[in-house]
Every structure is written in structure tokens, then in C-alpha cells.
């Protein structure tokens, strides 16, 4: 009896298990036959794309402030330094006496030259009168005239040497350094002072090889410098472009000249220089955050009649600009920095549309959409006003 009961229990369990499998199969088939649920709408924000009529293609480099001129003034005659007329750091104008040399010997040479000149003048007058009386030959008169000319040249030289004992400033500027001391004896050609012209300065900038072709003498440049904790802006112009590039860096030396108002910029200061390659017209800029990197290239999503449409785009990675985007948060208007990149058109005949003015670009929520995805546009804005908030040139 026990064996029969066990056999009956096994049969019942098998039947129950088989019924369960059949029931699971039936439920699965019914689930597959059911209508699929509608995909939920994706909340996005879009922005109307517009073309900019004009946009400067500029870039920034670091430059070094240099004095317009640094002049080492040398003595032109030998002598002992009698007095330093100008102190270091003082302003001087062209023609001001900087160093006075002793003039005792030079004055004596001048006195001797004056005597010799008077004798030569008297001799010439006497010989000329005797020639008129036929008592001197023409050769005698020519000799006397030559001696008079020599005496005049010697006198003029003595006067110049005496005048050059006062070392004068050839240019205006600041007396930056005194190279001699009072009582020191100097020789002709020996530097005695150094003058630096700082009312006008120059900025030396190494311009990369790819950008130097856009440079030209007279081209405007903007200088940004931190002076005494304040960021100041200056305007200058290109005055020199080297014909030879640096062999190690392949950069070309460019000099920009500008007025040093208040003498706030000093030699050796590192500043930012903003140069313009050219002015671009009718260009399209989109938020860099809206661009999706692909394995080969880039893409964006646009709102095409309520559904998402993916567009492959060409971007100019060398033209990225940071602008201020006006937004309203909690009832307050804020200007949020936003990086934008230039969209380049596809070559004619390529067939790809890219992004064109008038398109509704998805700028928020584009990470969660797919081609053909239904959209729920929460907000539409226009392109922000271009207010530079710093530049980035690649």
C-alpha cells in the first residue's frame, strides 16, 4: 500500500508541473500579443540657430613689455668726471646735460687754437695785400689761404671738443643707470649713462607660423595687463614683423608699439596680446555642450517637427569662443558664460545638411534622445548676445 501511495504522489506532482509550464507559455504568448506602450516624451530645451554677420577671428598670446629705446650714452672726449648733473630715475629731455667732464685741458687747447687762428688770419691779410702790390706770388697767397683754413678747422675742433665735455642726452627718457662716478677718468667711447624711453613702449610677441601670414604693419592689437592689481586694456599697432622665424620654435617676432600712459607698464612685464587674423562673416556658432562626439566626427540633435533628428556636423576646433548667455533663474537675470564653437558647412555635393540658420537646436536633453524620439519642448530661446567673457584659440 505504501508503494502505491508514493507512485500516485509522483504522478500528481508531474501533472502539476506540466500544467505550470503550459500556463507560463500561455501567459508569455498573451504578453507578446499585447499592444506595446507608447514611448514617453523627452523633455528638451531648444535654441533657434542664427548666423552672425560679423565675427573677429582673434587669438591671444603672451608678450613681453620692452622699452622703446635703451640708449647707452658714451663720452666723446677724454676727461675726468667733474659732476653728475642728473640722478638715476630722473626724467631728462633731449639736450639736457647728464655728465660734466673737466674742461681745463680742453679750454687750453681752445685758447691755443684761437691764437693760431689769429696769426693765420693776419698772415693771410698781409700776403694778400703784398700780392696786390706784386710783391708776393699767387703761390704765396694760396699757401697763406691754406694755413688759414687749417687754423679755422683746428679752432672749430677745439670748440667742439670743449662743448662735448658736457655729455648730453641724445633722446628724452628716464636716466636708468649711471655707469661712472665723480672723479673717474673716461676715454672717448666709454659709456657713462643709460637712458630708457618709456613714454612709448613696445610689446614683443612670438607669433606662431600658422598665424604670422595674417599679420601686417599697422594692424591693431589689444593689450591686456594686470597693473597694481587692476586689469587694464591698451590699444597698440604692429610696427615690426621679423623676416626670420626662430629656428627652434618656428615663431616669428612681432613688435607692437603703444603709448605708456602713466608709465604703468614696465620693461619685462608679461602681458596678454589679442590679435585678429581676419573678420569672418555669416558664421554659425552653437554651444559646445550641444555637440556630441562620435567615433568619427561630431553630431547634434535638432527638433524636426516634434521629433529628434540627428545631424552630423563639422566643427572648427580652432574657433571656440566664450560668450555670456543671458538666463533667468528664480526671477533674477544672470549672465552665464557659455562656450560656443563654429559650425563649418559641408562641401558642396556632400549631401549632409549639418546645422543651418533657422534650425531648432536641442541644447538641453540631447544626451537622452535618439533619432525619431518624440520631444516635449520645455523652453525655446534665441542665440545669446556675443559679449566676450574670455577667448580660447586652439
Foldseek 3Di string as FASTA:
>chain_A
DVVVVVVVVVVVVVVVVVVVVVVVVVVVVVVVVDDDDDDDAFEFAWEFWFWFFKDFLKDKFKWFWDFPDKDQFWQAAWFAFADQPDDAFDWDAFFAFGTAGDCPVLVVQLVVLVVQLVVLVVLLVVQVVCVVVVNHDVVSNVVSVVSNVVSVVSNVVSVVNSVSSRGGHRHIAGFHDADDDGGDIHHGPHGGTMGTHQQKIKIKTFAAPVQCVLADFFAKKWKWAQFPNDTDIFIWTWHDWDPDADPPRNTTIIMTMGGCVVSRRDGGGMIMMMGTSGMDGGWIKDFPQQWADDPPAIWGWFQDPQFTAIAGWDWDPQFKFWFWAWDADPNDTDTHITIITITDDDPPPPPGDHDDRRITTTNGRRVPHDGGRGHDHPYYYYDGDGDGPDGDGD
